[in-house]
Amino acid sequence: MSPGESKKVALQSVDAFGERDSRLVVEFPAVRKVPMFTSESVAKMVKHFHQFPKPGFSFNYGQYFRATVDEMFEHTVRLKLKPKNTTINEPFGTVRIIEEGDEFVLKLQAEMEKVFHWQDKKGVMNGADENSFIVDFNHPLAGKENSYGIEVISVVKASEAEQMTIDWTDSYENGLKKAEKSHKPAVLVLYSKGSWDF
């Protein structure tokens, strides 16, 4: 292709973002129970807080709770948990914390199409009921044919390109944000195991 020429290229899913993988559609519990009382070793608390725990000492315990030292023993302390709030708005839905006897019940009301992070994966919530929610970790374009319009603006000799500094990123979204912030053009580079017919 020469400068000024353009054409459309269609990639089958296997050559673009791959086929959909049912193993990447994961079901999570929407209800979780947390005991009101738990224990921790004195040594671990001293190591973490750099001080010896004493009754009434309070600290953040996980994402939703504060813990207070309720009782001291020789090698352990008993902690009493208390929710920071009874309703917490998360990017993926609303968590409600209900006290039931000597435990707390956490219930997630999931919001569909919201992004959910798990381990090193990012997925989209696409199903839920009272007891569970489903997250699809497949790429949104997985299993679909992808069509691209290509236009050659200019041609640079390889010897000239070797002198250029190119800022690479593996994330399409981050690349666009970076280009917009720096007012520079973004170039999408696709790698394919198959062959592209130009």
N, C-alpha and C. Protein backbone atom coordinates (compact mmCIF):
# COMPACT_ATOMS: atom_id res chain seq x y z
N MET A 1 0.84 -1.19 0.00
CA MET A 1 0.00 0.00 0.00
C MET A 1 0.88 1.25 0.00
N SER A 2 0.39 2.28 -0.66
CA SER A 2 1.13 3.54 -0.79
C SER A 2 0.38 4.64 -0.05
N PRO A 3 1.05 5.77 0.24
CA PRO A 3 0.38 6.88 0.90
C PRO A 3 -0.89 7.30 0.15
N GLY A 4 -1.98 7.52 0.89
CA GLY A 4 -3.25 7.91 0.29
C GLY A 4 -4.17 6.74 0.05
N GLU A 5 -3.65 5.52 0.03
CA GLU A 5 -4.48 4.35 -0.19
C GLU A 5 -5.17 3.93 1.11
N SER A 6 -6.35 3.34 0.98
CA SER A 6 -7.07 2.86 2.15
C SER A 6 -7.81 1.58 1.78
N LYS A 7 -8.08 0.78 2.78
CA LYS A 7 -8.86 -0.44 2.57
C LYS A 7 -9.39 -0.93 3.91
N LYS A 8 -10.31 -1.85 3.83
CA LYS A 8 -10.87 -2.44 5.03
C LYS A 8 -10.30 -3.85 5.21
N VAL A 9 -10.04 -4.18 6.49
CA VAL A 9 -9.49 -5.49 6.81
C VAL A 9 -10.42 -6.15 7.82
N ALA A 10 -10.82 -7.38 7.55
CA ALA A 10 -11.67 -8.13 8.47
C ALA A 10 -10.85 -9.24 9.11
N LEU A 11 -10.91 -9.32 10.42
CA LEU A 11 -10.20 -10.37 11.15
C LEU A 11 -11.22 -11.29 11.80
N GLN A 12 -11.04 -12.57 11.59
CA GLN A 12 -11.87 -13.54 12.30
C GLN A 12 -11.52 -13.49 13.79
N SER A 13 -12.45 -13.90 14.62
CA SER A 13 -12.24 -13.80 16.07
C SER A 13 -10.96 -14.48 16.53
N VAL A 14 -10.64 -15.62 15.92
CA VAL A 14 -9.45 -16.36 16.34
C VAL A 14 -8.17 -15.57 16.07
N ASP A 15 -8.20 -14.66 15.09
CA ASP A 15 -7.03 -13.85 14.76
C ASP A 15 -7.06 -12.48 15.43
N ALA A 16 -8.14 -12.19 16.14
CA ALA A 16 -8.26 -10.87 16.80
C ALA A 16 -8.18 -11.06 18.32
N PHE A 17 -9.33 -11.13 18.97
CA PHE A 17 -9.35 -11.24 20.43
C PHE A 17 -9.68 -12.64 20.91
N GLY A 18 -9.64 -13.61 19.99
CA GLY A 18 -9.85 -15.00 20.36
C GLY A 18 -11.31 -15.38 20.48
N GLU A 19 -11.54 -16.68 20.64
CA GLU A 19 -12.90 -17.18 20.83
C GLU A 19 -13.30 -16.98 22.28
N ARG A 20 -14.60 -16.99 22.53
CA ARG A 20 -15.08 -16.90 23.90
C ARG A 20 -14.73 -18.17 24.66
N ASP A 21 -14.35 -18.01 25.92
CA ASP A 21 -13.97 -19.13 26.76
C ASP A 21 -14.95 -19.21 27.93
N SER A 22 -15.72 -20.29 27.98
CA SER A 22 -16.74 -20.43 29.03
C SER A 22 -16.12 -20.48 30.42
N ARG A 23 -14.83 -20.86 30.51
CA ARG A 23 -14.16 -20.91 31.81
C ARG A 23 -13.91 -19.51 32.38
N LEU A 24 -14.03 -18.48 31.52
CA LEU A 24 -13.83 -17.11 31.97
C LEU A 24 -15.13 -16.43 32.40
N VAL A 25 -16.22 -17.20 32.40
CA VAL A 25 -17.49 -16.71 32.94
C VAL A 25 -17.62 -17.32 34.33
N VAL A 26 -17.48 -16.48 35.37
CA VAL A 26 -17.33 -16.97 36.74
C VAL A 26 -18.50 -16.50 37.62
N GLU A 27 -19.00 -17.42 38.42
CA GLU A 27 -20.08 -17.10 39.36
C GLU A 27 -19.48 -16.87 40.75
N PHE A 28 -19.90 -15.77 41.40
CA PHE A 28 -19.43 -15.42 42.73
C PHE A 28 -20.61 -15.36 43.69
N PRO A 29 -20.38 -15.65 44.97
CA PRO A 29 -21.48 -15.50 45.94
C PRO A 29 -21.79 -14.03 46.19
N ALA A 30 -23.06 -13.70 46.26
CA ALA A 30 -23.48 -12.32 46.54
C ALA A 30 -23.75 -12.11 48.02
N VAL A 31 -23.70 -13.19 48.80
CA VAL A 31 -23.94 -13.11 50.23
C VAL A 31 -22.73 -13.73 50.95
N ARG A 32 -22.23 -13.02 51.95
CA ARG A 32 -21.08 -13.51 52.72
C ARG A 32 -21.34 -13.24 54.19
N LYS A 33 -20.94 -14.19 55.04
CA LYS A 33 -21.12 -14.03 56.48
C LYS A 33 -19.77 -13.81 57.16
N VAL A 34 -19.74 -12.84 58.08
CA VAL A 34 -18.51 -12.51 58.82
C VAL A 34 -18.83 -12.56 60.30
N PRO A 35 -18.07 -13.33 61.08
CA PRO A 35 -18.34 -13.39 62.52
C PRO A 35 -18.07 -12.05 63.20
N MET A 36 -18.87 -11.73 64.21
CA MET A 36 -18.71 -10.47 64.93
C MET A 36 -17.41 -10.47 65.74
N PHE A 37 -17.02 -11.66 66.24
CA PHE A 37 -15.80 -11.78 67.04
C PHE A 37 -14.80 -12.66 66.30
N THR A 38 -13.55 -12.25 66.33
CA THR A 38 -12.47 -13.04 65.74
C THR A 38 -11.24 -12.86 66.61
N SER A 39 -10.20 -13.62 66.33
CA SER A 39 -8.99 -13.50 67.15
C SER A 39 -7.77 -13.26 66.29
N GLU A 40 -6.75 -12.70 66.90
CA GLU A 40 -5.49 -12.41 66.20
C GLU A 40 -4.36 -12.63 67.19
N SER A 41 -3.20 -13.03 66.68
CA SER A 41 -2.06 -13.25 67.58
C SER A 41 -1.49 -11.91 68.02
N VAL A 42 -1.02 -11.88 69.25
CA VAL A 42 -0.39 -10.68 69.79
C VAL A 42 0.85 -10.33 68.98
N ALA A 43 1.63 -11.36 68.62
CA ALA A 43 2.87 -11.13 67.86
C ALA A 43 2.59 -10.46 66.52
N LYS A 44 1.53 -10.90 65.85
CA LYS A 44 1.20 -10.32 64.55
C LYS A 44 0.78 -8.86 64.70
N MET A 45 0.03 -8.56 65.74
CA MET A 45 -0.41 -7.19 65.95
C MET A 45 0.76 -6.28 66.31
N VAL A 46 1.67 -6.77 67.14
CA VAL A 46 2.85 -5.98 67.49
C VAL A 46 3.69 -5.70 66.24
N LYS A 47 3.84 -6.72 65.40
CA LYS A 47 4.62 -6.56 64.16
C LYS A 47 3.97 -5.54 63.24
N HIS A 48 2.64 -5.56 63.17
CA HIS A 48 1.92 -4.68 62.23
C HIS A 48 1.81 -3.25 62.77
N PHE A 49 1.50 -3.10 64.05
CA PHE A 49 1.23 -1.77 64.61
C PHE A 49 2.40 -1.19 65.40
N HIS A 50 3.45 -1.99 65.61
CA HIS A 50 4.63 -1.54 66.35
C HIS A 50 4.30 -1.11 67.78
N GLN A 51 3.30 -1.74 68.34
CA GLN A 51 2.96 -1.47 69.73
C GLN A 51 2.17 -2.65 70.27
N PHE A 52 2.20 -2.80 71.59
CA PHE A 52 1.50 -3.91 72.23
C PHE A 52 0.01 -3.57 72.30
N PRO A 53 -0.87 -4.48 71.85
CA PRO A 53 -2.30 -4.17 71.88
C PRO A 53 -2.85 -4.12 73.30
N LYS A 54 -3.88 -3.32 73.49
CA LYS A 54 -4.54 -3.26 74.79
C LYS A 54 -6.03 -3.10 74.55
N PRO A 55 -6.86 -3.46 75.52
CA PRO A 55 -8.31 -3.35 75.35
C PRO A 55 -8.72 -1.94 74.91
N GLY A 56 -9.63 -1.90 73.93
CA GLY A 56 -10.10 -0.62 73.40
C GLY A 56 -9.35 -0.14 72.18
N PHE A 57 -8.18 -0.76 71.89
CA PHE A 57 -7.41 -0.37 70.71
C PHE A 57 -8.23 -0.70 69.47
N SER A 58 -8.38 0.26 68.56
CA SER A 58 -9.25 0.09 67.39
C SER A 58 -8.47 0.37 66.10
N PHE A 59 -8.82 -0.36 65.04
CA PHE A 59 -8.13 -0.19 63.75
C PHE A 59 -9.02 -0.70 62.63
N ASN A 60 -8.68 -0.30 61.40
CA ASN A 60 -9.42 -0.78 60.24
C ASN A 60 -9.15 -2.27 60.04
N TYR A 61 -10.21 -3.01 59.79
CA TYR A 61 -10.10 -4.45 59.61
C TYR A 61 -10.77 -4.81 58.28
N GLY A 62 -9.96 -4.95 57.26
CA GLY A 62 -10.52 -5.21 55.94
C GLY A 62 -11.17 -3.97 55.36
N GLN A 63 -11.98 -4.20 54.36
CA GLN A 63 -12.56 -3.09 53.61
C GLN A 63 -13.77 -2.46 54.30
N TYR A 64 -14.54 -3.26 55.03
CA TYR A 64 -15.83 -2.78 55.52
C TYR A 64 -15.94 -2.64 57.04
N PHE A 65 -14.91 -3.06 57.79
CA PHE A 65 -15.05 -3.11 59.24
C PHE A 65 -13.95 -2.36 59.98
N ARG A 66 -14.28 -2.03 61.25
CA ARG A 66 -13.27 -1.63 62.23
C ARG A 66 -13.28 -2.68 63.31
N ALA A 67 -12.10 -2.95 63.82
CA ALA A 67 -11.96 -3.96 64.88
C ALA A 67 -11.48 -3.28 66.15
N THR A 68 -12.01 -3.72 67.26
CA THR A 68 -11.59 -3.21 68.56
C THR A 68 -11.15 -4.39 69.43
N VAL A 69 -10.00 -4.22 70.08
CA VAL A 69 -9.52 -5.27 70.99
C VAL A 69 -10.52 -5.37 72.14
N ASP A 70 -11.16 -6.53 72.25
CA ASP A 70 -12.24 -6.72 73.22
C ASP A 70 -11.74 -7.44 74.47
N GLU A 71 -10.79 -8.37 74.28
CA GLU A 71 -10.30 -9.14 75.41
C GLU A 71 -8.88 -9.62 75.12
N MET A 72 -8.05 -9.67 76.15
CA MET A 72 -6.64 -10.07 76.00
C MET A 72 -6.41 -11.45 76.60
N PHE A 73 -5.58 -12.23 75.91
CA PHE A 73 -5.13 -13.52 76.42
C PHE A 73 -3.61 -13.55 76.35
N GLU A 74 -3.01 -14.67 76.70
CA GLU A 74 -1.55 -14.71 76.77
C GLU A 74 -0.90 -14.48 75.40
N HIS A 75 -1.40 -15.16 74.38
CA HIS A 75 -0.78 -15.05 73.05
C HIS A 75 -1.72 -14.50 71.98
N THR A 76 -2.96 -14.30 72.33
CA THR A 76 -3.94 -13.82 71.33
C THR A 76 -4.80 -12.71 71.94
N VAL A 77 -5.48 -12.01 71.05
CA VAL A 77 -6.48 -11.02 71.48
C VAL A 77 -7.79 -11.35 70.78
N ARG A 78 -8.90 -11.06 71.45
CA ARG A 78 -10.20 -11.22 70.81
C ARG A 78 -10.61 -9.87 70.26
N LEU A 79 -11.02 -9.85 69.00
CA LEU A 79 -11.43 -8.62 68.33
C LEU A 79 -12.93 -8.61 68.11
N LYS A 80 -13.54 -7.45 68.35
CA LYS A 80 -14.96 -7.27 68.04
C LYS A 80 -15.06 -6.37 66.82
N LEU A 81 -15.75 -6.86 65.81
CA LEU A 81 -15.89 -6.11 64.57
C LEU A 81 -17.14 -5.25 64.57
N LYS A 82 -17.04 -4.12 63.89
CA LYS A 82 -18.17 -3.22 63.73
C LYS A 82 -18.11 -2.64 62.33
N PRO A 83 -19.21 -2.66 61.59
CA PRO A 83 -19.18 -2.12 60.22
C PRO A 83 -18.88 -0.62 60.22
N LYS A 84 -18.10 -0.18 59.24
CA LYS A 84 -17.85 1.26 59.08
C LYS A 84 -19.15 1.96 58.69
N ASN A 85 -19.92 1.32 57.82
CA ASN A 85 -21.23 1.80 57.40
C ASN A 85 -22.10 0.58 57.15
N THR A 86 -23.42 0.75 57.18
CA THR A 86 -24.30 -0.38 56.89
C THR A 86 -24.62 -0.48 55.41
N THR A 87 -24.35 0.58 54.66
CA THR A 87 -24.53 0.57 53.21
C THR A 87 -23.29 1.18 52.56
N ILE A 88 -22.68 0.43 51.66
CA ILE A 88 -21.47 0.90 50.98
C ILE A 88 -21.69 0.82 49.48
N ASN A 89 -21.49 1.95 48.82
CA ASN A 89 -21.61 1.99 47.36
C ASN A 89 -20.25 1.67 46.74
N GLU A 90 -20.22 0.57 46.00
CA GLU A 90 -19.03 0.15 45.28
C GLU A 90 -19.21 0.45 43.80
N PRO A 91 -18.12 0.48 43.03
CA PRO A 91 -18.26 0.71 41.58
C PRO A 91 -19.09 -0.36 40.89
N PHE A 92 -19.21 -1.55 41.50
CA PHE A 92 -19.93 -2.66 40.88
C PHE A 92 -21.28 -2.96 41.53
N GLY A 93 -21.70 -2.13 42.50
CA GLY A 93 -22.99 -2.36 43.13
C GLY A 93 -23.03 -1.83 44.55
N THR A 94 -24.07 -2.18 45.29
CA THR A 94 -24.25 -1.72 46.66
C THR A 94 -24.14 -2.89 47.63
N VAL A 95 -23.29 -2.71 48.65
CA VAL A 95 -23.12 -3.73 49.69
C VAL A 95 -23.88 -3.28 50.93
N ARG A 96 -24.76 -4.15 51.42
CA ARG A 96 -25.49 -3.87 52.65
C ARG A 96 -25.02 -4.84 53.73
N ILE A 97 -24.78 -4.31 54.93
CA ILE A 97 -24.30 -5.13 56.03
C ILE A 97 -25.38 -5.20 57.10
N ILE A 98 -25.81 -6.41 57.41
CA ILE A 98 -26.89 -6.63 58.36
C ILE A 98 -26.36 -7.45 59.54
N GLU A 99 -26.65 -7.00 60.75
CA GLU A 99 -26.25 -7.74 61.94
C GLU A 99 -27.29 -8.80 62.26
N GLU A 100 -26.85 -10.04 62.34
CA GLU A 100 -27.74 -11.15 62.68
C GLU A 100 -27.09 -11.98 63.78
N GLY A 101 -27.53 -11.79 65.01
CA GLY A 101 -26.96 -12.52 66.14
C GLY A 101 -25.50 -12.14 66.34
N ASP A 102 -24.61 -13.14 66.30
CA ASP A 102 -23.19 -12.88 66.53
C ASP A 102 -22.40 -12.86 65.22
N GLU A 103 -23.06 -12.49 64.13
CA GLU A 103 -22.37 -12.37 62.85
C GLU A 103 -22.98 -11.27 62.01
N PHE A 104 -22.26 -10.88 60.98
CA PHE A 104 -22.75 -9.89 60.02
C PHE A 104 -22.96 -10.58 58.67
N VAL A 105 -24.03 -10.21 58.01
CA VAL A 105 -24.32 -10.75 56.68
C VAL A 105 -24.11 -9.62 55.67
N LEU A 106 -23.19 -9.84 54.73
CA LEU A 106 -22.92 -8.88 53.67
C LEU A 106 -23.66 -9.31 52.42
N LYS A 107 -24.51 -8.43 51.90
CA LYS A 107 -25.29 -8.74 50.69
C LYS A 107 -24.96 -7.73 49.61
N LEU A 108 -24.55 -8.24 48.46
CA LEU A 108 -24.24 -7.37 47.32
C LEU A 108 -25.41 -7.31 46.36
N GLN A 109 -25.85 -6.10 46.06
CA GLN A 109 -26.83 -5.89 44.99
C GLN A 109 -26.02 -5.43 43.78
N ALA A 110 -25.73 -6.39 42.91
CA ALA A 110 -24.84 -6.13 41.78
C ALA A 110 -25.52 -5.27 40.71
N GLU A 111 -24.72 -4.43 40.06
CA GLU A 111 -25.21 -3.61 38.95
C GLU A 111 -24.66 -4.18 37.65
N MET A 112 -25.57 -4.46 36.74
CA MET A 112 -25.17 -5.07 35.47
C MET A 112 -24.31 -4.14 34.63
N GLU A 113 -23.43 -4.75 33.85
CA GLU A 113 -22.52 -4.06 32.93
C GLU A 113 -21.43 -3.25 33.65
N LYS A 114 -21.32 -3.42 34.96
CA LYS A 114 -20.25 -2.73 35.68
C LYS A 114 -18.98 -3.58 35.65
N VAL A 115 -17.84 -2.91 35.72
CA VAL A 115 -16.55 -3.60 35.69
C VAL A 115 -16.26 -4.18 37.08
N PHE A 116 -15.77 -5.42 37.09
CA PHE A 116 -15.45 -6.10 38.34
C PHE A 116 -14.03 -6.65 38.24
N HIS A 117 -13.19 -6.31 39.22
CA HIS A 117 -11.79 -6.77 39.24
C HIS A 117 -11.67 -7.96 40.17
N TRP A 118 -10.93 -8.98 39.69
CA TRP A 118 -10.71 -10.18 40.50
C TRP A 118 -9.35 -10.74 40.14
N GLN A 119 -8.50 -10.89 41.16
CA GLN A 119 -7.12 -11.31 40.95
C GLN A 119 -6.48 -10.35 39.95
N ASP A 120 -5.97 -10.83 38.81
CA ASP A 120 -5.37 -9.92 37.83
C ASP A 120 -6.28 -9.73 36.62
N LYS A 121 -7.57 -10.06 36.78
CA LYS A 121 -8.51 -9.99 35.66
C LYS A 121 -9.51 -8.86 35.85
N LYS A 122 -10.04 -8.39 34.72
CA LYS A 122 -11.09 -7.38 34.73
C LYS A 122 -12.23 -7.91 33.87
N GLY A 123 -13.42 -7.99 34.47
CA GLY A 123 -14.57 -8.51 33.74
C GLY A 123 -15.77 -7.59 33.85
N VAL A 124 -16.87 -8.03 33.25
CA VAL A 124 -18.11 -7.26 33.26
C VAL A 124 -19.20 -8.10 33.89
N MET A 125 -19.93 -7.50 34.82
CA MET A 125 -21.02 -8.20 35.49
C MET A 125 -22.21 -8.30 34.54
N ASN A 126 -22.69 -9.53 34.31
CA ASN A 126 -23.78 -9.68 33.35
C ASN A 126 -24.90 -10.60 33.82
N GLY A 127 -24.95 -10.88 35.11
CA GLY A 127 -26.03 -11.70 35.64
C GLY A 127 -26.00 -11.70 37.15
N ALA A 128 -27.17 -11.75 37.79
CA ALA A 128 -27.20 -11.75 39.25
C ALA A 128 -28.57 -12.17 39.75
N ASP A 129 -28.56 -12.76 40.96
CA ASP A 129 -29.80 -12.98 41.70
C ASP A 129 -29.49 -12.69 43.17
N GLU A 130 -30.35 -13.13 44.09
CA GLU A 130 -30.15 -12.80 45.50
C GLU A 130 -28.90 -13.46 46.08
N ASN A 131 -28.49 -14.59 45.51
CA ASN A 131 -27.41 -15.36 46.12
C ASN A 131 -26.08 -15.31 45.38
N SER A 132 -26.08 -14.88 44.14
CA SER A 132 -24.83 -14.90 43.37
C SER A 132 -24.85 -13.86 42.26
N PHE A 133 -23.68 -13.61 41.70
CA PHE A 133 -23.58 -12.75 40.52
C PHE A 133 -22.55 -13.35 39.57
N ILE A 134 -22.70 -13.03 38.30
CA ILE A 134 -21.86 -13.63 37.26
C ILE A 134 -21.03 -12.54 36.59
N VAL A 135 -19.75 -12.84 36.41
CA VAL A 135 -18.83 -11.90 35.76
C VAL A 135 -18.21 -12.59 34.55
N ASP A 136 -18.22 -11.90 33.42
CA ASP A 136 -17.62 -12.40 32.18
C ASP A 136 -16.26 -11.74 32.01
N PHE A 137 -15.19 -12.55 32.10
CA PHE A 137 -13.83 -12.03 31.98
C PHE A 137 -13.30 -12.15 30.56
N ASN A 138 -14.13 -12.58 29.61
CA ASN A 138 -13.72 -12.58 28.21
C ASN A 138 -13.59 -11.13 27.72
N HIS A 139 -12.71 -10.92 26.74
CA HIS A 139 -12.63 -9.59 26.13
C HIS A 139 -13.97 -9.28 25.47
N PRO A 140 -14.45 -8.04 25.55
CA PRO A 140 -15.75 -7.70 24.94
C PRO A 140 -15.87 -8.06 23.47
N LEU A 141 -14.75 -8.11 22.76
CA LEU A 141 -14.79 -8.44 21.33
C LEU A 141 -14.43 -9.90 21.05
N ALA A 142 -14.27 -10.70 22.10
CA ALA A 142 -13.96 -12.11 21.90
C ALA A 142 -15.14 -12.81 21.21
N GLY A 143 -14.82 -13.68 20.26
CA GLY A 143 -15.85 -14.41 19.54
C GLY A 143 -16.50 -13.64 18.42
N LYS A 144 -16.01 -12.43 18.15
CA LYS A 144 -16.61 -11.59 17.11
C LYS A 144 -15.61 -11.29 16.01
N GLU A 145 -16.13 -11.16 14.79
CA GLU A 145 -15.27 -10.71 13.68
C GLU A 145 -15.01 -9.22 13.87
N ASN A 146 -13.77 -8.82 13.63
CA ASN A 146 -13.39 -7.41 13.80
C ASN A 146 -13.03 -6.82 12.44
N SER A 147 -13.61 -5.67 12.15
CA SER A 147 -13.32 -4.98 10.89
C SER A 147 -12.60 -3.67 11.18
N TYR A 148 -11.57 -3.38 10.41
CA TYR A 148 -10.78 -2.18 10.60
C TYR A 148 -10.59 -1.47 9.27
N GLY A 149 -10.68 -0.14 9.33
CA GLY A 149 -10.37 0.67 8.16
C GLY A 149 -8.92 1.13 8.27
N ILE A 150 -8.14 0.91 7.24
CA ILE A 150 -6.72 1.28 7.25
C ILE A 150 -6.47 2.31 6.15
N GLU A 151 -5.79 3.38 6.52
CA GLU A 151 -5.39 4.39 5.55
C GLU A 151 -3.92 4.71 5.77
N VAL A 152 -3.13 4.65 4.70
CA VAL A 152 -1.72 4.97 4.80
C VAL A 152 -1.55 6.48 4.67
N ILE A 153 -1.05 7.11 5.71
CA ILE A 153 -0.84 8.56 5.70
C ILE A 153 0.53 8.87 5.12
N SER A 154 1.53 8.15 5.59
CA SER A 154 2.88 8.36 5.09
C SER A 154 3.69 7.10 5.32
N VAL A 155 4.81 7.02 4.65
CA VAL A 155 5.70 5.87 4.79
C VAL A 155 7.05 6.39 5.30
N VAL A 156 7.55 5.76 6.36
CA VAL A 156 8.83 6.15 6.94
C VAL A 156 9.81 5.00 6.75
N LYS A 157 11.00 5.32 6.30
CA LYS A 157 12.02 4.30 6.13
C LYS A 157 12.39 3.70 7.48
N ALA A 158 12.72 2.43 7.48
CA ALA A 158 13.06 1.73 8.71
C ALA A 158 14.24 2.40 9.42
N SER A 159 15.19 2.90 8.65
CA SER A 159 16.37 3.54 9.26
C SER A 159 15.98 4.80 10.02
N GLU A 160 14.95 5.52 9.55
CA GLU A 160 14.47 6.72 10.26
C GLU A 160 13.66 6.34 11.50
N ALA A 161 12.87 5.25 11.39
CA ALA A 161 12.03 4.83 12.50
C ALA A 161 12.87 4.35 13.69
N GLU A 162 14.06 3.82 13.38
CA GLU A 162 14.92 3.33 14.46
C GLU A 162 15.35 4.44 15.41
N GLN A 163 15.34 5.69 14.92
CA GLN A 163 15.77 6.82 15.74
C GLN A 163 14.61 7.39 16.59
N MET A 164 13.39 6.92 16.33
CA MET A 164 12.22 7.46 17.02
C MET A 164 12.05 6.81 18.40
N THR A 165 11.53 7.59 19.34
CA THR A 165 11.18 7.08 20.65
C THR A 165 9.66 6.88 20.68
N ILE A 166 9.23 5.65 20.90
CA ILE A 166 7.80 5.33 20.91
C ILE A 166 7.40 4.89 22.31
N ASP A 167 6.36 5.52 22.84
CA ASP A 167 5.85 5.20 24.16
C ASP A 167 4.80 4.10 24.01
N TRP A 168 5.13 2.87 24.44
CA TRP A 168 4.24 1.73 24.27
C TRP A 168 3.40 1.49 25.51
N THR A 169 2.20 0.98 25.31
CA THR A 169 1.37 0.49 26.41
C THR A 169 0.56 -0.69 25.89
N ASP A 170 0.32 -1.65 26.76
CA ASP A 170 -0.44 -2.84 26.37
C ASP A 170 -1.94 -2.65 26.55
N SER A 171 -2.35 -1.51 27.10
CA SER A 171 -3.77 -1.27 27.35
C SER A 171 -4.32 -0.26 26.34
N TYR A 172 -5.34 -0.67 25.62
CA TYR A 172 -5.97 0.20 24.63
C TYR A 172 -6.54 1.45 25.29
N GLU A 173 -7.27 1.26 26.42
CA GLU A 173 -7.89 2.39 27.10
C GLU A 173 -6.83 3.36 27.64
N ASN A 174 -5.78 2.80 28.28
CA ASN A 174 -4.72 3.66 28.83
C ASN A 174 -3.97 4.40 27.72
N GLY A 175 -3.78 3.73 26.58
CA GLY A 175 -3.10 4.37 25.46
C GLY A 175 -3.86 5.57 24.92
N LEU A 176 -5.18 5.43 24.81
CA LEU A 176 -6.01 6.55 24.34
C LEU A 176 -5.98 7.71 25.33
N LYS A 177 -6.05 7.40 26.62
CA LYS A 177 -6.02 8.45 27.64
C LYS A 177 -4.68 9.20 27.61
N LYS A 178 -3.60 8.42 27.43
CA LYS A 178 -2.26 9.01 27.40
C LYS A 178 -2.11 9.92 26.18
N ALA A 179 -2.60 9.44 25.04
CA ALA A 179 -2.50 10.23 23.81
C ALA A 179 -3.31 11.51 23.92
N GLU A 180 -4.50 11.41 24.50
CA GLU A 180 -5.36 12.59 24.66
C GLU A 180 -4.71 13.62 25.59
N LYS A 181 -4.11 13.11 26.67
CA LYS A 181 -3.48 14.00 27.64
C LYS A 181 -2.26 14.71 27.06
N SER A 182 -1.49 14.00 26.23
CA SER A 182 -0.27 14.59 25.66
C SER A 182 -0.51 15.25 24.31
N HIS A 183 -1.78 15.20 23.82
CA HIS A 183 -2.15 15.79 22.53
C HIS A 183 -1.31 15.21 21.38
N LYS A 184 -1.07 13.89 21.47
CA LYS A 184 -0.33 13.20 20.42
C LYS A 184 -1.22 12.11 19.82
N PRO A 185 -0.96 11.73 18.58
CA PRO A 185 -1.78 10.68 17.97
C PRO A 185 -1.51 9.33 18.61
N ALA A 186 -2.51 8.47 18.58
CA ALA A 186 -2.37 7.11 19.08
C ALA A 186 -2.36 6.16 17.90
N VAL A 187 -1.53 5.15 17.95
CA VAL A 187 -1.44 4.15 16.89
C VAL A 187 -1.76 2.80 17.51
N LEU A 188 -2.78 2.12 16.97
CA LEU A 188 -3.16 0.80 17.45
C LEU A 188 -2.41 -0.24 16.63
N VAL A 189 -1.62 -1.06 17.31
CA VAL A 189 -0.87 -2.12 16.64
C VAL A 189 -1.49 -3.45 17.02
N LEU A 190 -1.91 -4.21 16.03
CA LEU A 190 -2.52 -5.51 16.25
C LEU A 190 -1.55 -6.61 15.86
N TYR A 191 -1.46 -7.62 16.70
CA TYR A 191 -0.64 -8.77 16.40
C TYR A 191 -1.55 -9.94 16.10
N SER A 192 -1.25 -10.70 15.10
CA SER A 192 -2.08 -11.83 14.73
C SER A 192 -1.21 -13.05 14.48
N LYS A 193 -1.69 -14.20 14.96
CA LYS A 193 -0.99 -15.45 14.67
C LYS A 193 -1.31 -15.94 13.26
N GLY A 194 -2.45 -15.46 12.74
CA GLY A 194 -2.83 -15.86 11.39
C GLY A 194 -2.21 -14.92 10.36
N SER A 195 -2.69 -15.02 9.13
CA SER A 195 -2.16 -14.16 8.07
C SER A 195 -3.18 -13.09 7.70
N TRP A 196 -2.71 -11.90 7.45
CA TRP A 196 -3.55 -10.80 7.00
C TRP A 196 -3.34 -10.66 5.50
N ASP A 197 -4.41 -10.65 4.76
CA ASP A 197 -4.29 -10.51 3.29
C ASP A 197 -4.43 -9.06 2.90
N PHE A 198 -3.32 -8.47 2.57
CA PHE A 198 -3.33 -7.11 2.05
C PHE A 198 -3.26 -7.22 0.53
